[in-house]
Amino acid sequence: MEFIDSKLFKEMLLSGMNNLGNHSAQIDALNVFPVPDGDTGTNMYLTVSNGVKAALDEPSDNVGDIAKTLSRGLLMGARGNSGVITSQIFRGFYQAVKDLDRIDASQLAHALVNGSRVAYRAVMRPVEGTILTVVREAADYTYAYTMTDEVTDCVKVMERMVKEAKESLDTTPQLLPVLAEVGVVDSGGKGLLVILEGFLSAMQGKVIEKEGSEQTSNEAAQTKVQGGEEEFGFCTEFILHLNDNGMKHFSENSFKEELATIGNSIVCVQDEDLVKVHVHTLEPQTAIKMGRRQGRFMKLKVENMQDQHDNILEKEEEEKKIPHKKYGIITVAAGDGIKEMFKELRADIIVGGGQTMNPSTEDFVSAINQLNCDHIFILPNNSNIILAAQQAQTVCEDADIHVLPTKTIPQGLSACILFNPDVDVTTNLEEMNEAIANVKSGEVTYAVRDTTYEGMEIKKGQYMGMFGKAIVACKDDCMEATKELLSKMLDADSELVTLIYGEGATEKQAQELSEYIEEISDAEVEITNGKQPVYSFVIGVE
């Protein structure tokens, strides 16, 4: 096979997506920690499906155009660290093929190498033994093979890529001891391998089909947002008279790409200082806000395609009443009680999500577009969400956005407490980051499988106390595990303990733990019903 044309490229994407979907549960199970949050496969599948579905609808017969649509869809749909890194791999791939109608063997090998390079640059501290290692080693060895042997068959290039990816994946436990101890390979690297295997199968004449017909709730929700142009959402149309800034900087393509983050069936036509826009979206108020930045409305029409009775014009009037603010805070949380805590601490938008369901880049972009302020602070509150937030920061380059490295709910709450609307950005960042560094975080949850971690035998169903990223307690009884965790977290300098109990725990248990804390320390205790899933207790110590 001398070339990959647009038809084959789409078949490869579909086959890779389906193969990833078929293996997503298996990839989820490769999670190192036996907590109910193994979601690498799910995150990668939701990321990839967001991009592939857009690419399959791309009308162009140019491989470069399809790759561009794919890259944009992956960028906006990226969830979790694995999803963001995957989006960056194919961003690099697109950059290498953007001017090509079709791809030959050497161009394919070069595009894969460029994908690995872009992915590495996207991560501040790359860790070897992960998906980054797999894509780098596989791409580099494949490129060397292609150049040395002067390979001209695209199938041979992909066969070599799959072979090298398998070998690299098998060595990940040697690079990350925690993988070796648990007896698994890297989950992100496994996800990349099954995508590549799907590509190869399509190139060999067999497009892998999706097993089963049932959608996950998240996949169904995405389909609802992206598909069914006539069945879902609002038909939003307007004519803009561009202001001076709009006349200087307005771009049809850029505005179309911005609209694509919230809808489809997009038409955007400029005639000197007038722009006509049509979009189907579930977020018409966001589309209107996008237009308002460019100029004033000459005509505006919103029709509800879902036969709902919401009046979008009333919503728009309400938006106009929202006062402009110096600062805005976006935070991520799960559990009505925890969300209420953030609201009381002046958080403007709480993005739903957390350990078991990471929000996408598009979720953050949507939240950013709802704010009317000069400076925005984003608190991801989970290490697996920070990259998606940073990617949204890059997408919304016109806004002044600061992503704080909050990895836990207690860190996010402490940062909010130290936020001061009356001081400058630099002072706020210094004080909020200091608060993040000074809080200790602990969580109690249950094991979903048998495993061994740093010599500790863990049985399915046992309760684990996690101090930061370390498992420090494992007991059959939830309260025993929590008390052991507290004994590791508290010391002579501890002044305040924030005890948040969630689903499956009771206020009576929280009170018992409060008494225990008072027995072993001088710290004060604040108890809140966070109503959070997964974690019986979330604990912050300052």
Protein backbone atom coordinates (compact mmCIF):
# COMPACT_ATOMS: atom_id res chain seq x y z
CA MET A 1 0.00 0.00 0.00
CA GLU A 2 1.77 3.09 -1.29
CA PHE A 3 -0.63 5.75 0.04
CA ILE A 4 -3.27 6.39 2.71
CA ASP A 5 -6.07 8.40 1.15
CA SER A 6 -8.99 10.12 2.88
CA LYS A 7 -11.30 7.10 2.66
CA LEU A 8 -8.77 4.75 4.23
CA PHE A 9 -7.78 7.35 6.83
CA LYS A 10 -11.38 7.61 8.03
CA GLU A 11 -11.65 3.81 8.15
CA MET A 12 -8.49 3.71 10.26
CA LEU A 13 -9.92 6.28 12.68
CA LEU A 14 -13.21 4.41 13.00
CA SER A 15 -11.43 1.09 13.52
CA GLY A 16 -9.07 2.58 16.12
CA MET A 17 -11.93 4.20 18.01
CA ASN A 18 -13.98 1.01 18.04
CA ASN A 19 -11.03 -1.11 19.16
CA LEU A 20 -10.36 1.32 22.00
CA GLY A 21 -14.02 1.18 23.01
CA ASN A 22 -13.96 -2.61 22.99
CA HIS A 23 -10.95 -2.62 25.33
CA SER A 24 -11.80 0.38 27.52
CA ALA A 25 -12.95 -1.72 30.50
CA GLN A 26 -9.78 -3.81 30.31
CA ILE A 27 -7.68 -0.63 30.23
CA ASP A 28 -9.63 0.83 33.16
CA ALA A 29 -8.71 -2.26 35.19
CA LEU A 30 -4.98 -1.56 34.77
CA ASN A 31 -5.19 1.23 37.34
CA VAL A 32 -2.32 0.93 39.82
CA PHE A 33 -4.38 1.92 42.85
CA PRO A 34 -7.28 -0.46 43.60
CA VAL A 35 -9.72 2.40 44.17
CA PRO A 36 -13.01 2.75 42.24
CA ASP A 37 -11.59 5.34 39.87
CA GLY A 38 -9.82 3.39 37.14
CA ASP A 39 -10.94 5.45 34.17
CA THR A 40 -8.00 5.66 31.75
CA GLY A 41 -9.76 3.56 29.12
CA THR A 42 -12.99 5.50 29.53
CA ASN A 43 -11.22 8.85 29.36
CA MET A 44 -9.27 7.87 26.26
CA TYR A 45 -12.36 6.48 24.53
CA LEU A 46 -14.44 9.60 25.22
CA THR A 47 -11.54 11.74 24.00
CA VAL A 48 -10.96 9.73 20.83
CA SER A 49 -14.66 9.34 19.99
CA ASN A 50 -15.11 13.12 20.26
CA GLY A 51 -12.43 13.63 17.63
CA VAL A 52 -13.19 10.70 15.36
CA LYS A 53 -16.90 11.45 15.11
CA ALA A 54 -16.05 14.98 14.00
CA ALA A 55 -13.46 13.69 11.52
CA LEU A 56 -15.91 11.23 9.98
CA ASP A 57 -18.24 14.15 9.25
CA GLU A 58 -15.48 16.18 7.59
CA PRO A 59 -16.56 16.60 3.93
CA SER A 60 -13.07 17.21 2.55
CA ASP A 61 -11.22 14.50 0.64
CA ASN A 62 -7.94 15.95 1.90
CA VAL A 63 -6.21 13.91 4.62
CA GLY A 64 -4.78 17.10 6.09
CA ASP A 65 -8.26 18.60 6.52
CA ILE A 66 -9.54 15.42 8.16
CA ALA A 67 -6.55 15.36 10.51
CA LYS A 68 -7.22 18.99 11.44
CA THR A 69 -10.86 18.25 12.31
CA LEU A 70 -9.72 15.19 14.25
CA SER A 71 -7.15 17.22 16.19
CA ARG A 72 -9.67 19.90 17.11
CA GLY A 73 -12.23 17.35 18.25
CA LEU A 74 -9.66 15.52 20.37
CA LEU A 75 -8.47 18.80 21.85
CA MET A 76 -11.92 19.84 23.03
CA GLY A 77 -12.99 16.37 24.14
CA ALA A 78 -9.81 15.52 26.05
CA ARG A 79 -10.41 14.06 29.53
CA GLY A 80 -7.78 13.06 32.07
CA ASN A 81 -4.04 13.05 31.56
CA SER A 82 -4.22 10.11 29.14
CA GLY A 83 -6.84 11.87 27.04
CA VAL A 84 -4.91 15.14 26.90
CA ILE A 85 -1.70 13.36 25.92
CA THR A 86 -3.57 11.40 23.23
CA SER A 87 -4.97 14.66 21.85
CA GLN A 88 -1.45 16.08 21.69
CA ILE A 89 -0.12 13.02 19.86
CA PHE A 90 -2.66 13.57 17.09
CA ARG A 91 -2.11 17.32 17.18
CA GLY A 92 1.49 16.61 16.25
CA PHE A 93 0.32 14.11 13.65
CA TYR A 94 -1.91 16.79 12.09
CA GLN A 95 0.92 19.33 12.01
CA ALA A 96 2.99 16.90 9.95
CA VAL A 97 0.27 16.10 7.39
CA LYS A 98 -1.72 19.36 7.25
CA ASP A 99 -0.68 20.14 3.68
CA LEU A 100 -1.10 16.61 2.32
CA ASP A 101 -3.92 15.18 0.20
CA ARG A 102 -2.72 11.67 1.03
CA ILE A 103 0.08 10.13 3.08
CA ASP A 104 2.94 7.90 1.92
CA ALA A 105 5.05 5.61 4.10
CA SER A 106 7.78 8.08 4.98
CA GLN A 107 5.24 10.81 5.71
CA LEU A 108 3.31 8.44 7.98
CA ALA A 109 6.47 7.59 9.93
CA HIS A 110 7.39 11.27 10.23
CA ALA A 111 3.88 12.19 11.42
CA LEU A 112 4.04 9.57 14.17
CA VAL A 113 7.41 10.92 15.35
CA ASN A 114 6.09 14.47 15.36
CA GLY A 115 3.11 13.30 17.39
CA SER A 116 5.43 11.92 20.06
CA ARG A 117 7.45 15.14 20.16
CA VAL A 118 4.39 17.37 20.57
CA ALA A 119 3.02 15.11 23.32
CA TYR A 120 6.28 15.33 25.27
CA ARG A 121 6.32 19.12 25.04
CA ALA A 122 2.78 19.30 26.39
CA VAL A 123 3.77 17.69 29.70
CA MET A 124 5.82 19.77 32.13
CA ARG A 125 7.46 16.77 33.81
CA PRO A 126 7.30 13.75 31.47
CA VAL A 127 7.37 10.41 33.28
CA GLU A 128 9.00 7.43 31.62
CA GLY A 129 7.11 4.14 31.70
CA THR A 130 3.90 5.80 30.51
CA ILE A 131 2.10 6.42 27.22
CA LEU A 132 4.79 9.00 26.45
CA THR A 133 7.49 6.33 26.47
CA VAL A 134 5.41 3.99 24.33
CA VAL A 135 4.70 6.57 21.62
CA ARG A 136 8.28 7.88 21.60
CA GLU A 137 10.03 4.53 21.39
CA ALA A 138 7.55 3.07 18.91
CA ALA A 139 7.66 6.14 16.63
CA ASP A 140 11.45 6.53 16.75
CA TYR A 141 12.21 2.88 16.05
CA THR A 142 9.58 2.80 13.30
CA TYR A 143 11.02 5.91 11.66
CA ALA A 144 14.54 4.47 11.76
CA TYR A 145 13.30 1.20 10.23
CA THR A 146 11.44 3.07 7.49
CA MET A 147 14.45 5.19 6.57
CA THR A 148 17.08 2.44 6.82
CA ASP A 149 15.17 -0.11 4.76
CA GLU A 150 13.59 2.51 2.47
CA VAL A 151 10.12 1.18 3.19
CA THR A 152 7.40 2.39 0.82
CA ASP A 153 4.51 0.25 2.07
CA CYS A 154 2.29 2.07 4.62
CA VAL A 155 1.06 -1.26 6.02
CA LYS A 156 4.63 -2.24 6.89
CA VAL A 157 5.10 1.08 8.68
CA MET A 158 2.02 0.50 10.83
CA GLU A 159 2.95 -3.13 11.43
CA ARG A 160 6.31 -1.97 12.75
CA MET A 161 4.65 0.75 14.85
CA VAL A 162 2.36 -1.81 16.49
CA LYS A 163 5.27 -4.21 17.08
CA GLU A 164 7.44 -1.52 18.68
CA ALA A 165 4.53 -0.21 20.77
CA LYS A 166 3.90 -3.72 22.15
CA GLU A 167 7.54 -4.15 23.07
CA SER A 168 7.72 -0.72 24.67
CA LEU A 169 4.50 -1.33 26.61
CA ASP A 170 5.89 -4.61 27.97
CA THR A 171 8.91 -2.75 29.39
CA THR A 172 6.90 -0.05 31.21
CA PRO A 173 6.97 -2.01 34.52
CA GLN A 174 10.78 -1.90 34.36
CA LEU A 175 10.67 1.90 34.23
CA LEU A 176 7.91 2.39 36.82
CA PRO A 177 8.42 0.08 39.82
CA VAL A 178 4.84 0.61 41.01
CA LEU A 179 3.62 -1.06 37.80
CA ALA A 180 5.86 -4.04 38.45
CA GLU A 181 4.69 -4.40 42.03
CA VAL A 182 1.03 -4.42 41.05
CA GLY A 183 1.73 -6.61 38.02
CA VAL A 184 0.32 -4.39 35.26
CA VAL A 185 1.55 -2.43 32.26
CA ASP A 186 0.84 1.28 31.79
CA SER A 187 -2.84 1.85 31.07
CA GLY A 188 -2.32 4.86 28.78
CA GLY A 189 0.27 2.99 26.75
CA LYS A 190 -2.13 0.08 26.42
CA GLY A 191 -4.80 2.47 25.16
CA LEU A 192 -2.47 3.83 22.51
CA LEU A 193 -1.55 0.30 21.42
CA VAL A 194 -5.16 -0.77 20.83
CA ILE A 195 -5.74 2.40 18.79
CA LEU A 196 -2.76 1.54 16.61
CA GLU A 197 -3.94 -2.06 16.30
CA GLY A 198 -7.30 -0.72 15.10
CA PHE A 199 -5.50 1.41 12.51
CA LEU A 200 -3.53 -1.59 11.27
CA SER A 201 -6.61 -3.80 11.03
CA ALA A 202 -8.34 -1.24 8.79
CA MET A 203 -5.23 -0.97 6.62
CA GLN A 204 -5.31 -4.76 6.23
CA GLY A 205 -8.91 -4.59 5.03
CA LYS A 206 -10.88 -5.20 8.23
CA VAL A 207 -12.45 -2.27 10.04
CA ILE A 208 -13.03 -3.31 13.66
CA GLU A 209 -16.64 -2.91 14.74
CA LYS A 210 -17.84 -1.74 18.15
CA GLU A 211 -18.91 -4.67 20.31
CA GLY A 212 -22.43 -4.38 21.72
CA SER A 213 -24.94 -1.62 21.04
CA GLU A 214 -25.30 -0.07 24.48
CA GLN A 215 -23.74 3.31 25.14
CA THR A 216 -22.34 4.41 28.43
CA SER A 217 -24.18 7.33 29.99
CA ASN A 218 -21.24 9.61 29.25
CA GLU A 219 -21.05 8.49 25.62
CA ALA A 220 -24.79 8.99 25.25
CA ALA A 221 -24.49 12.45 26.72
CA GLN A 222 -21.76 13.31 24.25
CA THR A 223 -23.81 12.00 21.37
CA LYS A 224 -26.68 14.18 22.50
CA VAL A 225 -24.48 17.26 22.49
CA GLN A 226 -22.77 16.58 19.19
CA GLY A 227 -25.27 14.72 17.08
CA GLY A 228 -28.84 15.01 15.88
CA GLU A 229 -28.73 18.55 14.55
CA GLU A 230 -32.47 18.80 14.00
CA GLU A 231 -33.47 16.83 17.08
CA PHE A 232 -31.43 18.46 19.83
CA GLY A 233 -30.72 21.96 21.05
CA PHE A 234 -31.42 25.42 19.70
CA CYS A 235 -31.15 26.76 16.18
CA THR A 236 -29.32 30.04 16.76
CA GLU A 237 -28.96 32.64 14.02
CA PHE A 238 -27.69 36.20 14.10
CA ILE A 239 -26.25 38.97 11.95
CA LEU A 240 -23.40 40.95 13.48
CA HIS A 241 -22.19 44.42 12.70
CA LEU A 242 -18.49 44.17 13.54
CA ASN A 243 -17.01 46.72 15.90
CA ASP A 244 -13.55 48.24 15.30
CA ASN A 245 -11.81 45.41 17.11
CA GLY A 246 -13.84 42.87 15.17
CA MET A 247 -12.94 44.49 11.85
CA LYS A 248 -9.24 44.16 12.70
CA HIS A 249 -9.20 40.65 14.13
CA PHE A 250 -12.31 38.75 13.01
CA SER A 251 -11.60 35.46 11.20
CA GLU A 252 -14.31 33.25 9.72
CA ASN A 253 -12.29 30.08 10.31
CA SER A 254 -11.38 30.95 13.90
CA PHE A 255 -14.98 31.87 14.72
CA LYS A 256 -16.22 28.62 13.17
CA GLU A 257 -13.75 26.66 15.29
CA GLU A 258 -14.92 28.51 18.40
CA LEU A 259 -18.57 27.74 17.58
CA ALA A 260 -17.62 24.09 16.97
CA THR A 261 -16.82 23.75 20.67
CA ILE A 262 -20.52 24.17 21.52
CA GLY A 263 -22.45 22.99 18.46
CA ASN A 264 -22.67 21.88 14.85
CA SER A 265 -24.41 22.68 11.55
CA ILE A 266 -22.28 25.83 11.48
CA VAL A 267 -22.47 28.54 8.83
CA CYS A 268 -20.40 31.72 9.13
CA VAL A 269 -20.19 34.20 6.24
CA GLN A 270 -18.53 37.63 6.36
CA ASP A 271 -19.34 40.51 4.01
CA GLU A 272 -17.10 43.43 4.94
CA ASP A 273 -18.39 44.62 8.36
CA LEU A 274 -21.36 42.20 8.50
CA VAL A 275 -21.25 38.57 9.60
CA LYS A 276 -24.10 36.07 9.29
CA VAL A 277 -23.98 33.10 11.69
CA HIS A 278 -26.00 29.89 12.04
CA VAL A 279 -25.34 27.17 14.63
CA HIS A 280 -27.24 24.32 16.32
CA THR A 281 -26.27 24.20 19.98
CA LEU A 282 -27.40 23.31 23.48
CA GLU A 283 -25.75 26.52 24.68
CA PRO A 284 -27.26 29.40 22.68
CA GLN A 285 -26.37 31.91 25.37
CA THR A 286 -22.70 30.99 24.90
CA ALA A 287 -22.98 31.45 21.12
CA ILE A 288 -24.56 34.85 21.70
CA LYS A 289 -21.77 35.82 24.08
CA MET A 290 -19.20 34.79 21.45
CA GLY A 291 -20.92 37.05 18.94
CA ARG A 292 -21.22 39.96 21.35
CA ARG A 293 -17.43 40.10 21.68
CA GLN A 294 -17.16 40.81 17.94
CA GLY A 295 -19.80 43.54 17.54
CA ARG A 296 -23.49 44.43 17.90
CA PHE A 297 -26.45 42.36 16.78
CA MET A 298 -28.40 43.51 13.73
CA LYS A 299 -30.66 40.47 13.93
CA LEU A 300 -30.99 37.64 16.46
CA LYS A 301 -33.20 34.54 16.35
CA VAL A 302 -33.19 31.49 18.62
CA GLU A 303 -35.57 28.59 17.98
CA ASN A 304 -35.94 25.71 20.41
CA MET A 305 -35.56 22.47 18.49
CA GLN A 306 -36.37 20.38 21.59
CA ASP A 307 -39.79 21.95 22.10
CA GLN A 308 -38.73 23.10 25.55
CA HIS A 309 -40.32 26.18 27.03
CA ASP A 310 -37.18 28.01 28.11
CA ASN A 311 -37.10 31.54 26.78
CA ILE A 312 -33.57 32.20 25.61
CA LEU A 313 -34.16 35.91 25.27
CA GLU A 314 -35.04 36.08 28.95
CA LYS A 315 -31.82 34.23 29.71
CA GLU A 316 -29.90 36.72 27.63
CA GLU A 317 -31.44 39.60 29.54
CA GLU A 318 -30.46 37.92 32.79
CA GLU A 319 -26.90 37.56 31.52
CA LYS A 320 -26.78 41.27 30.80
CA LYS A 321 -27.61 41.92 34.44
CA ILE A 322 -24.60 39.91 35.63
CA PRO A 323 -22.10 42.57 36.71
CA HIS A 324 -18.57 42.60 35.40
CA LYS A 325 -16.10 41.37 38.02
CA LYS A 326 -12.36 41.59 38.45
CA TYR A 327 -12.04 37.88 39.33
CA GLY A 328 -13.80 34.63 38.55
CA ILE A 329 -13.19 31.19 40.08
CA ILE A 330 -13.91 27.87 38.35
CA THR A 331 -13.55 24.75 40.46
CA VAL A 332 -14.21 21.02 40.04
CA ALA A 333 -16.18 19.01 42.59
CA ALA A 334 -18.52 16.06 43.06
CA GLY A 335 -21.10 15.95 45.84
CA ASP A 336 -23.74 18.58 46.58
CA GLY A 337 -22.26 19.34 50.00
CA ILE A 338 -18.78 19.98 48.65
CA LYS A 339 -20.19 22.08 45.83
CA GLU A 340 -22.02 24.20 48.40
CA MET A 341 -18.77 24.68 50.32
CA PHE A 342 -17.12 26.09 47.21
CA LYS A 343 -20.09 28.35 46.50
CA GLU A 344 -19.83 29.78 50.00
CA LEU A 345 -16.15 30.46 49.30
CA ARG A 346 -16.99 32.61 46.24
CA ALA A 347 -16.53 30.02 43.49
CA ASP A 348 -18.47 31.24 40.44
CA ILE A 349 -18.78 27.99 38.49
CA ILE A 350 -18.47 24.45 39.78
CA VAL A 351 -17.74 21.94 37.04
CA GLY A 352 -19.16 18.56 37.95
CA GLY A 353 -16.60 15.79 38.09
CA GLY A 354 -13.72 14.35 40.00
CA GLN A 355 -11.96 11.03 40.40
CA THR A 356 -14.46 8.79 38.61
CA MET A 357 -15.38 11.20 35.83
CA ASN A 358 -12.89 13.78 34.65
CA PRO A 359 -14.33 16.86 32.90
CA SER A 360 -13.16 17.58 29.37
CA THR A 361 -11.31 20.55 27.97
CA GLU A 362 -14.60 21.61 26.41
CA ASP A 363 -16.27 21.61 29.84
CA PHE A 364 -13.69 24.13 31.04
CA VAL A 365 -13.97 26.23 27.89
CA SER A 366 -17.74 26.38 28.34
CA ALA A 367 -17.30 27.49 31.95
CA ILE A 368 -14.78 30.15 30.94
CA ASN A 369 -17.17 31.52 28.31
CA GLN A 370 -19.87 31.97 30.95
CA LEU A 371 -17.78 34.36 33.02
CA ASN A 372 -17.60 38.12 32.68
CA CYS A 373 -14.40 39.01 34.47
CA ASP A 374 -10.80 40.16 33.95
CA HIS A 375 -8.97 37.27 35.62
CA ILE A 376 -9.96 33.63 36.03
CA PHE A 377 -8.60 31.09 38.50
CA ILE A 378 -9.23 27.38 37.76
CA LEU A 379 -8.97 24.83 40.58
CA PRO A 380 -8.95 21.27 39.09
CA ASN A 381 -8.77 19.58 42.53
CA ASN A 382 -7.46 16.35 40.98
CA SER A 383 -4.08 15.52 39.47
CA ASN A 384 -5.79 13.83 36.51
CA ILE A 385 -7.72 16.99 35.62
CA ILE A 386 -4.94 19.59 35.63
CA LEU A 387 -3.82 18.95 32.03
CA ALA A 388 -7.36 19.36 30.66
CA ALA A 389 -7.67 22.67 32.52
CA GLN A 390 -4.32 23.82 31.16
CA GLN A 391 -5.41 22.84 27.66
CA ALA A 392 -8.54 25.00 28.05
CA GLN A 393 -6.27 27.83 29.17
CA THR A 394 -4.39 27.49 25.88
CA VAL A 395 -7.61 27.37 23.82
CA CYS A 396 -8.97 30.54 25.48
CA GLU A 397 -5.77 32.47 24.91
CA ASP A 398 -7.53 35.86 24.90
CA ALA A 399 -8.59 35.46 28.54
CA ASP A 400 -6.29 35.88 31.55
CA ILE A 401 -6.53 32.38 33.04
CA HIS A 402 -4.49 30.87 35.85
CA VAL A 403 -4.65 27.12 36.55
CA LEU A 404 -3.64 26.41 40.13
CA PRO A 405 -2.17 22.93 40.76
CA THR A 406 -4.82 21.78 43.24
CA LYS A 407 -4.78 17.97 43.34
CA THR A 408 -7.35 17.44 46.12
CA ILE A 409 -10.59 18.94 47.41
CA PRO A 410 -8.91 20.21 50.63
CA GLN A 411 -6.30 22.01 48.53
CA GLY A 412 -9.03 23.64 46.45
CA LEU A 413 -10.96 24.73 49.53
CA SER A 414 -7.83 26.18 51.15
CA ALA A 415 -6.99 28.09 47.97
CA CYS A 416 -10.50 29.56 47.90
CA ILE A 417 -10.25 30.60 51.54
CA LEU A 418 -7.06 32.56 50.82
CA PHE A 419 -8.50 34.21 47.70
CA ASN A 420 -8.88 37.97 48.22
CA PRO A 421 -10.91 39.94 45.65
CA ASP A 422 -9.31 43.19 46.79
CA VAL A 423 -5.67 42.40 46.00
CA ASP A 424 -3.81 42.01 42.70
CA VAL A 425 -3.37 38.79 40.74
CA THR A 426 0.23 38.20 41.79
CA THR A 427 -0.60 38.47 45.49
CA ASN A 428 -3.57 36.16 45.11
CA LEU A 429 -1.51 33.55 43.30
CA GLU A 430 1.23 33.67 45.93
CA GLU A 431 -1.18 33.31 48.85
CA MET A 432 -3.37 30.69 47.20
CA ASN A 433 -0.37 28.57 46.20
CA GLU A 434 1.02 28.87 49.73
CA ALA A 435 -2.32 27.60 51.07
CA ILE A 436 -2.17 24.65 48.66
CA ALA A 437 1.32 23.75 49.88
CA ASN A 438 0.35 23.95 53.56
CA VAL A 439 -2.67 21.64 53.58
CA LYS A 440 -2.43 17.87 54.03
CA SER A 441 -5.03 15.79 52.21
CA GLY A 442 -6.45 12.38 53.05
CA GLU A 443 -9.23 10.17 51.67
CA VAL A 444 -10.92 6.95 52.68
CA THR A 445 -12.40 4.63 50.07
CA TYR A 446 -12.74 0.91 49.37
CA ALA A 447 -10.60 -1.48 47.31
CA VAL A 448 -12.12 -2.79 44.08
CA ARG A 449 -9.67 -5.70 43.70
CA ASP A 450 -6.98 -7.67 45.48
CA THR A 451 -3.48 -6.30 45.11
CA THR A 452 -0.20 -5.54 46.86
CA TYR A 453 1.07 -1.99 47.33
CA GLU A 454 4.52 -1.32 48.85
CA GLY A 455 4.33 -4.63 50.67
CA MET A 456 0.80 -4.04 51.97
CA GLU A 457 -1.69 -6.82 51.17
CA ILE A 458 -5.01 -5.30 50.07
CA LYS A 459 -8.19 -7.33 49.66
CA LYS A 460 -11.21 -6.39 47.60
CA GLY A 461 -13.80 -4.61 49.75
CA GLN A 462 -11.37 -3.42 52.40
CA TYR A 463 -11.22 0.26 53.34
CA MET A 464 -8.07 2.16 52.49
CA GLY A 465 -6.76 5.38 53.97
CA MET A 466 -4.84 7.42 51.40
CA PHE A 467 -2.48 10.19 52.55
CA GLY A 468 -1.68 12.17 49.44
CA LYS A 469 -0.84 9.49 46.88
CA ALA A 470 0.21 6.86 49.41
CA ILE A 471 -1.96 4.11 50.85
CA VAL A 472 -1.17 4.25 54.58
CA ALA A 473 -4.03 2.20 56.05
CA CYS A 474 -6.03 -0.85 54.99
CA LYS A 475 -8.72 -2.30 57.26
CA ASP A 476 -11.93 -4.28 57.06
CA ASP A 477 -13.66 -1.54 59.04
CA CYS A 478 -14.08 1.98 57.65
CA MET A 479 -13.68 3.72 61.00
CA GLU A 480 -10.50 1.80 61.86
CA ALA A 481 -8.99 2.76 58.50
CA THR A 482 -9.95 6.41 58.99
CA LYS A 483 -8.51 6.59 62.49
CA GLU A 484 -5.24 5.07 61.34
CA LEU A 485 -5.12 7.58 58.51
CA LEU A 486 -5.74 10.46 60.93
CA SER A 487 -2.96 9.25 63.20
CA LYS A 488 -0.56 9.52 60.24
CA MET A 489 -1.81 12.97 59.17
CA LEU A 490 -1.92 14.76 62.54
CA ASP A 491 1.12 16.13 64.34
CA ALA A 492 1.99 18.80 66.92
CA ASP A 493 1.60 21.59 64.35
CA SER A 494 -1.91 20.59 63.25
CA GLU A 495 -4.41 23.37 64.00
CA LEU A 496 -7.53 22.63 61.94
CA VAL A 497 -9.07 19.45 60.55
CA THR A 498 -11.77 19.67 57.89
CA LEU A 499 -13.71 16.40 58.00
CA ILE A 500 -16.03 15.85 55.04
CA TYR A 501 -18.17 12.71 55.16
CA GLY A 502 -19.74 11.32 52.02
CA GLU A 503 -22.06 8.64 50.73
CA GLY A 504 -22.04 5.57 52.96
CA ALA A 505 -20.80 7.48 56.01
CA THR A 506 -22.90 9.11 58.73
CA GLU A 507 -22.78 12.22 60.86
CA LYS A 508 -22.54 9.99 63.93
CA GLN A 509 -19.36 8.45 62.55
CA ALA A 510 -18.00 11.92 61.79
CA GLN A 511 -18.68 12.97 65.38
CA GLU A 512 -16.88 9.89 66.66
CA LEU A 513 -13.88 10.78 64.51
CA SER A 514 -14.01 14.35 65.81
CA GLU A 515 -13.72 13.06 69.36
CA TYR A 516 -10.81 10.85 68.30
CA ILE A 517 -9.03 13.84 66.74
CA GLU A 518 -9.47 15.83 69.95
CA GLU A 519 -7.98 12.94 71.92
CA ILE A 520 -4.78 12.71 69.89
CA SER A 521 -4.24 16.38 69.00
CA ASP A 522 -5.07 19.97 69.84
CA ALA A 523 -6.59 20.65 66.43
CA GLU A 524 -10.08 22.05 65.98
CA VAL A 525 -12.51 20.06 63.84
CA GLU A 526 -15.02 21.26 61.25
CA ILE A 527 -17.52 18.64 60.04
CA THR A 528 -19.40 18.89 56.73
CA ASN A 529 -21.70 16.49 54.88
CA GLY A 530 -20.07 16.59 51.45
CA LYS A 531 -22.39 13.96 49.95
CA GLN A 532 -19.50 12.94 47.72
CA PRO A 533 -19.44 9.55 45.95
CA VAL A 534 -16.55 7.07 46.14
CA TYR A 535 -14.93 8.51 49.27
CA SER A 536 -16.41 7.85 52.72
CA PHE A 537 -14.27 10.64 54.14
CA VAL A 538 -12.24 13.48 52.66
CA ILE A 539 -9.90 15.07 55.20
CA GLY A 540 -7.89 18.27 55.19
CA VAL A 541 -5.35 19.11 57.88
CA GLU A 542 -3.81 22.56 58.29
